[in-house]
Amino acid sequence: MSEKRRDAIPDRAQVRSQVFARDGYRCQAASLFLDVRCFGNLTVHHLTKASQGGTYTPDNLVTLCARHNDLIEERPTIATALGLVRRPHG
């Protein structure tokens, strides 16, 4: 891997820590899914998936518990309406 490309790869642990701190170490979907309690470890969720051009940067990540992350993967239309998923433009 070239040095330039290596420098462009974010320190994932550092980015994850920044996102957790910014979000107060709390699942950001808990108040949106009132009928579903948080469960499982916290994780970072891409608002725009990496496969669709999303980056591993704080502005594209949000803290979710494992349960809400699974719900969002299962129900992408609801997640989009709640602002927890972004669709790429174009």
PDB file of N, CA and C in Angstrom:
ATOM      1  N   MET A   1       0.849  -1.174   0.000  1.00  0.00           N
ATOM      2  CA  MET A   1       0.000   0.000   0.000  1.00  0.00           C
ATOM      3  C   MET A   1       0.894   1.236   0.000  1.00  0.00           C
ATOM      4  N   SER A   2       0.535   2.199  -0.810  1.00  0.00           N
ATOM      5  CA  SER A   2       1.344   3.404  -0.896  1.00  0.00           C
ATOM      6  C   SER A   2       1.223   4.214   0.392  1.00  0.00           C
ATOM      7  N   GLU A   3       2.233   5.027   0.661  1.00  0.00           N
ATOM      8  CA  GLU A   3       2.235   5.858   1.858  1.00  0.00           C
ATOM      9  C   GLU A   3       1.082   6.867   1.828  1.00  0.00           C
ATOM     10  N   LYS A   4       0.798   7.412   0.653  1.00  0.00           N
ATOM     11  CA  LYS A   4      -0.295   8.380   0.516  1.00  0.00           C
ATOM     12  C   LYS A   4      -1.630   7.732   0.875  1.00  0.00           C
ATOM     13  N   ARG A   5      -1.860   6.529   0.388  1.00  0.00           N
ATOM     14  CA  ARG A   5      -3.112   5.824   0.681  1.00  0.00           C
ATOM     15  C   ARG A   5      -3.193   5.463   2.151  1.00  0.00           C
ATOM     16  N   ARG A   6      -2.088   5.026   2.746  1.00  0.00           N
ATOM     17  CA  ARG A   6      -2.056   4.670   4.160  1.00  0.00           C
ATOM     18  C   ARG A   6      -2.411   5.875   5.020  1.00  0.00           C
ATOM     19  N   ASP A   7      -1.945   7.058   4.654  1.00  0.00           N
ATOM     20  CA  ASP A   7      -2.243   8.271   5.399  1.00  0.00           C
ATOM     21  C   ASP A   7      -3.715   8.659   5.299  1.00  0.00           C
ATOM     22  N   ALA A   8      -4.393   8.228   4.250  1.00  0.00           N
ATOM     23  CA  ALA A   8      -5.796   8.574   4.049  1.00  0.00           C
ATOM     24  C   ALA A   8      -6.743   7.681   4.862  1.00  0.00           C
ATOM     25  N   ILE A   9      -6.246   6.562   5.379  1.00  0.00           N
ATOM     26  CA  ILE A   9      -7.068   5.645   6.160  1.00  0.00           C
ATOM     27  C   ILE A   9      -7.164   6.164   7.591  1.00  0.00           C
ATOM     28  N   PRO A  10      -8.388   6.391   8.082  1.00  0.00           N
ATOM     29  CA  PRO A  10      -8.532   6.933   9.433  1.00  0.00           C
ATOM     30  C   PRO A  10      -8.176   5.898  10.493  1.00  0.00           C
ATOM     31  N   ASP A  11      -7.739   6.381  11.644  1.00  0.00           N
ATOM     32  CA  ASP A  11      -7.520   5.518  12.797  1.00  0.00           C
ATOM     33  C   ASP A  11      -8.904   5.180  13.341  1.00  0.00           C
ATOM     34  N   ARG A  12      -9.380   3.999  13.017  1.00  0.00           N
ATOM     35  CA  ARG A  12     -10.761   3.623  13.320  1.00  0.00           C
ATOM     36  C   ARG A  12     -11.069   3.685  14.814  1.00  0.00           C
ATOM     37  N   ALA A  13     -10.150   3.282  15.658  1.00  0.00           N
ATOM     38  CA  ALA A  13     -10.381   3.328  17.105  1.00  0.00           C
ATOM     39  C   ALA A  13     -10.536   4.774  17.573  1.00  0.00           C
ATOM     40  N   GLN A  14      -9.742   5.655  17.019  1.00  0.00           N
ATOM     41  CA  GLN A  14      -9.817   7.061  17.400  1.00  0.00           C
ATOM     42  C   GLN A  14     -11.140   7.676  16.928  1.00  0.00           C
ATOM     43  N   VAL A  15     -11.529   7.392  15.707  1.00  0.00           N
ATOM     44  CA  VAL A  15     -12.795   7.911  15.166  1.00  0.00           C
ATOM     45  C   VAL A  15     -13.958   7.382  15.997  1.00  0.00           C
ATOM     46  N   ARG A  16     -13.942   6.110  16.299  1.00  0.00           N
ATOM     47  CA  ARG A  16     -14.995   5.485  17.105  1.00  0.00           C
ATOM     48  C   ARG A  16     -15.102   6.168  18.472  1.00  0.00           C
ATOM     49  N   SER A  17     -13.978   6.416  19.114  1.00  0.00           N
ATOM     50  CA  SER A  17     -13.970   7.102  20.411  1.00  0.00           C
ATOM     51  C   SER A  17     -14.543   8.504  20.298  1.00  0.00           C
ATOM     52  N   GLN A  18     -14.213   9.206  19.226  1.00  0.00           N
ATOM     53  CA  GLN A  18     -14.739  10.562  19.012  1.00  0.00           C
ATOM     54  C   GLN A  18     -16.256  10.540  18.855  1.00  0.00           C
ATOM     55  N   VAL A  19     -16.764   9.573  18.097  1.00  0.00           N
ATOM     56  CA  VAL A  19     -18.209   9.471  17.862  1.00  0.00           C
ATOM     57  C   VAL A  19     -18.930   9.128  19.168  1.00  0.00           C
ATOM     58  N   PHE A  20     -18.409   8.155  19.921  1.00  0.00           N
ATOM     59  CA  PHE A  20     -19.025   7.795  21.198  1.00  0.00           C
ATOM     60  C   PHE A  20     -19.064   8.999  22.140  1.00  0.00           C
ATOM     61  N   ALA A  21     -17.957   9.727  22.240  1.00  0.00           N
ATOM     62  CA  ALA A  21     -17.902  10.900  23.123  1.00  0.00           C
ATOM     63  C   ALA A  21     -18.893  11.970  22.662  1.00  0.00           C
ATOM     64  N   ARG A  22     -18.921  12.249  21.378  1.00  0.00           N
ATOM     65  CA  ARG A  22     -19.845  13.248  20.841  1.00  0.00           C
ATOM     66  C   ARG A  22     -21.291  12.893  21.158  1.00  0.00           C
ATOM     67  N   ASP A  23     -21.621  11.598  21.073  1.00  0.00           N
ATOM     68  CA  ASP A  23     -22.992  11.135  21.281  1.00  0.00           C
ATOM     69  C   ASP A  23     -23.293  10.794  22.741  1.00  0.00           C
ATOM     70  N   GLY A  24     -22.372  11.136  23.624  1.00  0.00           N
ATOM     71  CA  GLY A  24     -22.597  10.915  25.051  1.00  0.00           C
ATOM     72  C   GLY A  24     -22.643   9.460  25.460  1.00  0.00           C
ATOM     73  N   TYR A  25     -21.990   8.602  24.690  1.00  0.00           N
ATOM     74  CA  TYR A  25     -21.953   7.161  24.968  1.00  0.00           C
ATOM     75  C   TYR A  25     -23.361   6.587  25.104  1.00  0.00           C
ATOM     76  N   ARG A  26     -24.290   7.090  24.261  1.00  0.00           N
ATOM     77  CA  ARG A  26     -25.677   6.633  24.283  1.00  0.00           C
ATOM     78  C   ARG A  26     -26.162   6.339  22.877  1.00  0.00           C
ATOM     79  N   CYS A  27     -27.029   5.361  22.789  1.00  0.00           N
ATOM     80  CA  CYS A  27     -27.659   5.012  21.521  1.00  0.00           C
ATOM     81  C   CYS A  27     -28.506   6.187  21.055  1.00  0.00           C
ATOM     82  N   GLN A  28     -28.259   6.655  19.854  1.00  0.00           N
ATOM     83  CA  GLN A  28     -28.956   7.819  19.319  1.00  0.00           C
ATOM     84  C   GLN A  28     -30.330   7.479  18.746  1.00  0.00           C
ATOM     85  N   ALA A  29     -30.674   6.203  18.724  1.00  0.00           N
ATOM     86  CA  ALA A  29     -31.984   5.788  18.228  1.00  0.00           C
ATOM     87  C   ALA A  29     -32.963   5.499  19.359  1.00  0.00           C
ATOM     88  N   ALA A  30     -32.503   5.481  20.593  1.00  0.00           N
ATOM     89  CA  ALA A  30     -33.351   5.076  21.710  1.00  0.00           C
ATOM     90  C   ALA A  30     -34.631   5.901  21.791  1.00  0.00           C
ATOM     91  N   SER A  31     -34.551   7.188  21.574  1.00  0.00           N
ATOM     92  CA  SER A  31     -35.744   8.035  21.670  1.00  0.00           C
ATOM     93  C   SER A  31     -36.609   7.945  20.410  1.00  0.00           C
ATOM     94  N   LEU A  32     -36.072   7.391  19.338  1.00  0.00           N
ATOM     95  CA  LEU A  32     -36.811   7.288  18.083  1.00  0.00           C
ATOM     96  C   LEU A  32     -37.638   6.011  17.992  1.00  0.00           C
ATOM     97  N   PHE A  33     -37.176   4.960  18.632  1.00  0.00           N
ATOM     98  CA  PHE A  33     -37.890   3.684  18.657  1.00  0.00           C
ATOM     99  C   PHE A  33     -38.413   3.480  20.081  1.00  0.00           C
ATOM    100  N   LEU A  34     -39.487   4.132  20.420  1.00  0.00           N
ATOM    101  CA  LEU A  34     -39.975   4.128  21.797  1.00  0.00           C
ATOM    102  C   LEU A  34     -40.411   2.749  22.271  1.00  0.00           C
ATOM    103  N   ASP A  35     -40.801   1.888  21.356  1.00  0.00           N
ATOM    104  CA  ASP A  35     -41.281   0.560  21.739  1.00  0.00           C
ATOM    105  C   ASP A  35     -40.179  -0.481  21.817  1.00  0.00           C
ATOM    106  N   VAL A  36     -38.956  -0.098  21.541  1.00  0.00           N
ATOM    107  CA  VAL A  36     -37.850  -1.056  21.529  1.00  0.00           C
ATOM    108  C   VAL A  36     -36.727  -0.536  22.424  1.00  0.00           C
ATOM    109  N   ARG A  37     -36.407  -1.295  23.443  1.00  0.00           N
ATOM    110  CA  ARG A  37     -35.355  -0.885  24.376  1.00  0.00           C
ATOM    111  C   ARG A  37     -33.976  -1.187  23.805  1.00  0.00           C
ATOM    112  N   CYS A  38     -33.011  -0.435  24.273  1.00  0.00           N
ATOM    113  CA  CYS A  38     -31.621  -0.672  23.852  1.00  0.00           C
ATOM    114  C   CYS A  38     -31.152  -2.012  24.407  1.00  0.00           C
ATOM    115  N   PHE A  39     -30.292  -2.652  23.628  1.00  0.00           N
ATOM    116  CA  PHE A  39     -29.756  -3.934  24.046  1.00  0.00           C
ATOM    117  C   PHE A  39     -28.464  -4.164  23.285  1.00  0.00           C
ATOM    118  N   GLY A  40     -27.462  -4.655  23.968  1.00  0.00           N
ATOM    119  CA  GLY A  40     -26.194  -4.994  23.320  1.00  0.00           C
ATOM    120  C   GLY A  40     -25.188  -3.868  23.388  1.00  0.00           C
ATOM    121  N   ASN A  41     -24.017  -4.162  22.929  1.00  0.00           N
ATOM    122  CA  ASN A  41     -22.926  -3.197  22.946  1.00  0.00           C
ATOM    123  C   ASN A  41     -23.196  -2.035  22.010  1.00  0.00           C
ATOM    124  N   LEU A  42     -22.559  -0.916  22.304  1.00  0.00           N
ATOM    125  CA  LEU A  42     -22.637   0.225  21.404  1.00  0.00           C
ATOM    126  C   LEU A  42     -21.752  -0.020  20.192  1.00  0.00           C
ATOM    127  N   THR A  43     -22.202   0.503  19.079  1.00  0.00           N
ATOM    128  CA  THR A  43     -21.459   0.397  17.835  1.00  0.00           C
ATOM    129  C   THR A  43     -21.599   1.705  17.069  1.00  0.00           C
ATOM    130  N   VAL A  44     -20.777   1.902  16.071  1.00  0.00           N
ATOM    131  CA  VAL A  44     -20.950   3.060  15.205  1.00  0.00           C
ATOM    132  C   VAL A  44     -21.661   2.591  13.939  1.00  0.00           C
ATOM    133  N   HIS A  45     -22.588   3.408  13.490  1.00  0.00           N
ATOM    134  CA  HIS A  45     -23.422   3.097  12.337  1.00  0.00           C
ATOM    135  C   HIS A  45     -23.155   4.138  11.259  1.00  0.00           C
ATOM    136  N   HIS A  46     -22.921   3.674  10.036  1.00  0.00           N
ATOM    137  CA  HIS A  46     -22.738   4.583   8.895  1.00  0.00           C
ATOM    138  C   HIS A  46     -24.085   5.167   8.472  1.00  0.00           C
ATOM    139  N   LEU A  47     -24.182   6.477   8.363  1.00  0.00           N
ATOM    140  CA  LEU A  47     -25.382   7.109   7.831  1.00  0.00           C
ATOM    141  C   LEU A  47     -25.472   6.853   6.332  1.00  0.00           C
ATOM    142  N   THR A  48     -24.340   6.973   5.649  1.00  0.00           N
ATOM    143  CA  THR A  48     -24.231   6.547   4.251  1.00  0.00           C
ATOM    144  C   THR A  48     -23.287   5.356   4.246  1.00  0.00           C
ATOM    145  N   LYS A  49     -23.781   4.217   3.805  1.00  0.00           N
ATOM    146  CA  LYS A  49     -22.975   2.997   3.825  1.00  0.00           C
ATOM    147  C   LYS A  49     -21.665   3.163   3.054  1.00  0.00           C
ATOM    148  N   ALA A  50     -20.651   2.479   3.514  1.00  0.00           N
ATOM    149  CA  ALA A  50     -19.354   2.523   2.845  1.00  0.00           C
ATOM    150  C   ALA A  50     -19.471   2.046   1.399  1.00  0.00           C
ATOM    151  N   SER A  51     -20.329   1.066   1.160  1.00  0.00           N
ATOM    152  CA  SER A  51     -20.508   0.540  -0.194  1.00  0.00           C
ATOM    153  C   SER A  51     -21.153   1.559  -1.131  1.00  0.00           C
ATOM    154  N   GLN A  52     -21.725   2.614  -0.546  1.00  0.00           N
ATOM    155  CA  GLN A  52     -22.357   3.664  -1.338  1.00  0.00           C
ATOM    156  C   GLN A  52     -21.557   4.965  -1.282  1.00  0.00           C
ATOM    157  N   GLY A  53     -20.304   4.847  -0.851  1.00  0.00           N
ATOM    158  CA  GLY A  53     -19.418   6.006  -0.833  1.00  0.00           C
ATOM    159  C   GLY A  53     -19.288   6.692   0.506  1.00  0.00           C
ATOM    160  N   GLY A  54     -19.916   6.154   1.544  1.00  0.00           N
ATOM    161  CA  GLY A  54     -19.809   6.745   2.879  1.00  0.00           C
ATOM    162  C   GLY A  54     -18.428   6.542   3.471  1.00  0.00           C
ATOM    163  N   THR A  55     -18.017   7.494   4.275  1.00  0.00           N
ATOM    164  CA  THR A  55     -16.687   7.457   4.872  1.00  0.00           C
ATOM    165  C   THR A  55     -16.744   7.071   6.344  1.00  0.00           C
ATOM    166  N   TYR A  56     -15.606   6.677   6.869  1.00  0.00           N
ATOM    167  CA  TYR A  56     -15.485   6.358   8.292  1.00  0.00           C
ATOM    168  C   TYR A  56     -14.997   7.612   8.996  1.00  0.00           C
ATOM    169  N   THR A  57     -15.866   8.627   9.018  1.00  0.00           N
ATOM    170  CA  THR A  57     -15.576   9.904   9.659  1.00  0.00           C
ATOM    171  C   THR A  57     -16.732  10.257  10.588  1.00  0.00           C
ATOM    172  N   PRO A  58     -16.472  11.044  11.627  1.00  0.00           N
ATOM    173  CA  PRO A  58     -17.530  11.361  12.589  1.00  0.00           C
ATOM    174  C   PRO A  58     -18.801  11.941  11.972  1.00  0.00           C
ATOM    175  N   ASP A  59     -18.686  12.718  10.912  1.00  0.00           N
ATOM    176  CA  ASP A  59     -19.888  13.311  10.318  1.00  0.00           C
ATOM    177  C   ASP A  59     -20.754  12.289   9.591  1.00  0.00           C
ATOM    178  N   ASN A  60     -20.250  11.092   9.363  1.00  0.00           N
ATOM    179  CA  ASN A  60     -21.018  10.036   8.699  1.00  0.00           C
ATOM    180  C   ASN A  60     -21.338   8.875   9.639  1.00  0.00           C
ATOM    181  N   LEU A  61     -21.046   9.036  10.912  1.00  0.00           N
ATOM    182  CA  LEU A  61     -21.246   7.955  11.871  1.00  0.00           C
ATOM    183  C   LEU A  61     -22.113   8.424  13.028  1.00  0.00           C
ATOM    184  N   VAL A  62     -22.846   7.485  13.610  1.00  0.00           N
ATOM    185  CA  VAL A  62     -23.685   7.756  14.770  1.00  0.00           C
ATOM    186  C   VAL A  62     -23.602   6.542  15.695  1.00  0.00           C
ATOM    187  N   THR A  63     -23.727   6.781  16.997  1.00  0.00           N
ATOM    188  CA  THR A  63     -23.679   5.710  17.978  1.00  0.00           C
ATOM    189  C   THR A  63     -25.037   5.041  18.094  1.00  0.00           C
ATOM    190  N   LEU A  64     -25.056   3.716  17.963  1.00  0.00           N
ATOM    191  CA  LEU A  64     -26.271   2.927  18.148  1.00  0.00           C
ATOM    192  C   LEU A  64     -25.943   1.700  18.994  1.00  0.00           C
ATOM    193  N   CYS A  65     -26.955   1.199  19.711  1.00  0.00           N
ATOM    194  CA  CYS A  65     -26.791  -0.089  20.374  1.00  0.00           C
ATOM    195  C   CYS A  65     -26.949  -1.179  19.301  1.00  0.00           C
ATOM    196  N   ALA A  66     -26.525  -2.368  19.622  1.00  0.00           N
ATOM    197  CA  ALA A  66     -26.583  -3.461  18.647  1.00  0.00           C
ATOM    198  C   ALA A  66     -28.012  -3.738  18.190  1.00  0.00           C
ATOM    199  N   ARG A  67     -28.967  -3.644  19.095  1.00  0.00           N
ATOM    200  CA  ARG A  67     -30.359  -3.939  18.742  1.00  0.00           C
ATOM    201  C   ARG A  67     -30.905  -2.922  17.736  1.00  0.00           C
ATOM    202  N   HIS A  68     -30.691  -1.641  17.992  1.00  0.00           N
ATOM    203  CA  HIS A  68     -31.185  -0.623  17.066  1.00  0.00           C
ATOM    204  C   HIS A  68     -30.443  -0.668  15.737  1.00  0.00           C
ATOM    205  N   ASN A  69     -29.167  -0.994  15.780  1.00  0.00           N
ATOM    206  CA  ASN A  69     -28.418  -1.137  14.533  1.00  0.00           C
ATOM    207  C   ASN A  69     -29.033  -2.249  13.680  1.00  0.00           C
ATOM    208  N   ASP A  70     -29.391  -3.360  14.311  1.00  0.00           N
ATOM    209  CA  ASP A  70     -30.038  -4.466  13.590  1.00  0.00           C
ATOM    210  C   ASP A  70     -31.393  -4.038  13.023  1.00  0.00           C
ATOM    211  N   LEU A  71     -32.174  -3.300  13.811  1.00  0.00           N
ATOM    212  CA  LEU A  71     -33.480  -2.832  13.343  1.00  0.00           C
ATOM    213  C   LEU A  71     -33.345  -1.935  12.114  1.00  0.00           C
ATOM    214  N   ILE A  72     -32.346  -1.089  12.138  1.00  0.00           N
ATOM    215  CA  ILE A  72     -32.132  -0.178  11.013  1.00  0.00           C
ATOM    216  C   ILE A  72     -31.734  -0.947   9.762  1.00  0.00           C
ATOM    217  N   GLU A  73     -30.930  -1.975   9.931  1.00  0.00           N
ATOM    218  CA  GLU A  73     -30.550  -2.800   8.779  1.00  0.00           C
ATOM    219  C   GLU A  73     -31.772  -3.542   8.224  1.00  0.00           C
ATOM    220  N   GLU A  74     -32.691  -3.945   9.104  1.00  0.00           N
ATOM    221  CA  GLU A  74     -33.894  -4.677   8.686  1.00  0.00           C
ATOM    222  C   GLU A  74     -34.953  -3.761   8.072  1.00  0.00           C
ATOM    223  N   ARG A  75     -35.000  -2.502   8.515  1.00  0.00           N
ATOM    224  CA  ARG A  75     -36.051  -1.563   8.092  1.00  0.00           C
ATOM    225  C   ARG A  75     -35.450  -0.267   7.547  1.00  0.00           C
ATOM    226  N   PRO A  76     -34.804  -0.316   6.410  1.00  0.00           N
ATOM    227  CA  PRO A  76     -34.118   0.879   5.899  1.00  0.00           C
ATOM    228  C   PRO A  76     -35.042   2.057   5.592  1.00  0.00           C
ATOM    229  N   THR A  77     -36.282   1.809   5.234  1.00  0.00           N
ATOM    230  CA  THR A  77     -37.173   2.942   4.939  1.00  0.00           C
ATOM    231  C   THR A  77     -37.510   3.723   6.204  1.00  0.00           C
ATOM    232  N   ILE A  78     -37.706   3.028   7.307  1.00  0.00           N
ATOM    233  CA  ILE A  78     -37.953   3.705   8.583  1.00  0.00           C
ATOM    234  C   ILE A  78     -36.707   4.467   9.002  1.00  0.00           C
ATOM    235  N   ALA A  79     -35.569   3.834   8.870  1.00  0.00           N
ATOM    236  CA  ALA A  79     -34.315   4.478   9.247  1.00  0.00           C
ATOM    237  C   ALA A  79     -34.070   5.737   8.428  1.00  0.00           C
ATOM    238  N   THR A  80     -34.400   5.709   7.154  1.00  0.00           N
ATOM    239  CA  THR A  80     -34.242   6.888   6.304  1.00  0.00           C
ATOM    240  C   THR A  80     -35.151   8.006   6.793  1.00  0.00           C
ATOM    241  N   ALA A  81     -36.399   7.683   7.108  1.00  0.00           N
ATOM    242  CA  ALA A  81     -37.350   8.684   7.588  1.00  0.00           C
ATOM    243  C   ALA A  81     -36.889   9.306   8.908  1.00  0.00           C
ATOM    244  N   LEU A  82     -36.206   8.532   9.741  1.00  0.00           N
ATOM    245  CA  LEU A  82     -35.727   9.027  11.030  1.00  0.00           C
ATOM    246  C   LEU A  82     -34.394   9.761  10.911  1.00  0.00           C
ATOM    247  N   GLY A  83     -33.807   9.765   9.723  1.00  0.00           N
ATOM    248  CA  GLY A  83     -32.529  10.442   9.529  1.00  0.00           C
ATOM    249  C   GLY A  83     -31.319   9.626   9.942  1.00  0.00           C
ATOM    250  N   LEU A  84     -31.493   8.322  10.114  1.00  0.00           N
ATOM    251  CA  LEU A  84     -30.386   7.467  10.514  1.00  0.00           C
ATOM    252  C   LEU A  84     -29.738   6.772   9.315  1.00  0.00           C
ATOM    253  N   VAL A  85     -30.246   7.053   8.139  1.00  0.00           N
ATOM    254  CA  VAL A  85     -29.664   6.541   6.906  1.00  0.00           C
ATOM    255  C   VAL A  85     -29.726   7.665   5.893  1.00  0.00           C
ATOM    256  N   ARG A  86     -28.654   7.849   5.164  1.00  0.00           N
ATOM    257  CA  ARG A  86     -28.630   8.815   4.066  1.00  0.00           C
ATOM    258  C   ARG A  86     -28.461   8.049   2.768  1.00  0.00           C
ATOM    259  N   ARG A  87     -29.174   8.475   1.787  1.00  0.00           N
ATOM    260  CA  ARG A  87     -29.010   7.899   0.453  1.00  0.00           C
ATOM    261  C   ARG A  87     -28.067   8.777  -0.338  1.00  0.00           C
ATOM    262  N   PRO A  88     -27.151   8.156  -1.084  1.00  0.00           N
ATOM    263  CA  PRO A  88     -26.226   8.960  -1.900  1.00  0.00           C
ATOM    264  C   PRO A  88     -26.976   9.731  -2.976  1.00  0.00           C
ATOM    265  N   HIS A  89     -26.454  10.893  -3.302  1.00  0.00           N
ATOM    266  CA  HIS A  89     -27.052  11.704  -4.363  1.00  0.00           C
ATOM    267  C   HIS A  89     -26.592  11.191  -5.715  1.00  0.00           C
ATOM    268  N   GLY A  90     -27.476  11.356  -6.712  1.00  0.00           N
ATOM    269  CA  GLY A  90     -27.092  11.002  -8.083  1.00  0.00           C
ATOM    270  C   GLY A  90     -27.397   9.629  -8.359  1.00  0.00           C
TER     271      GLY A  90
END
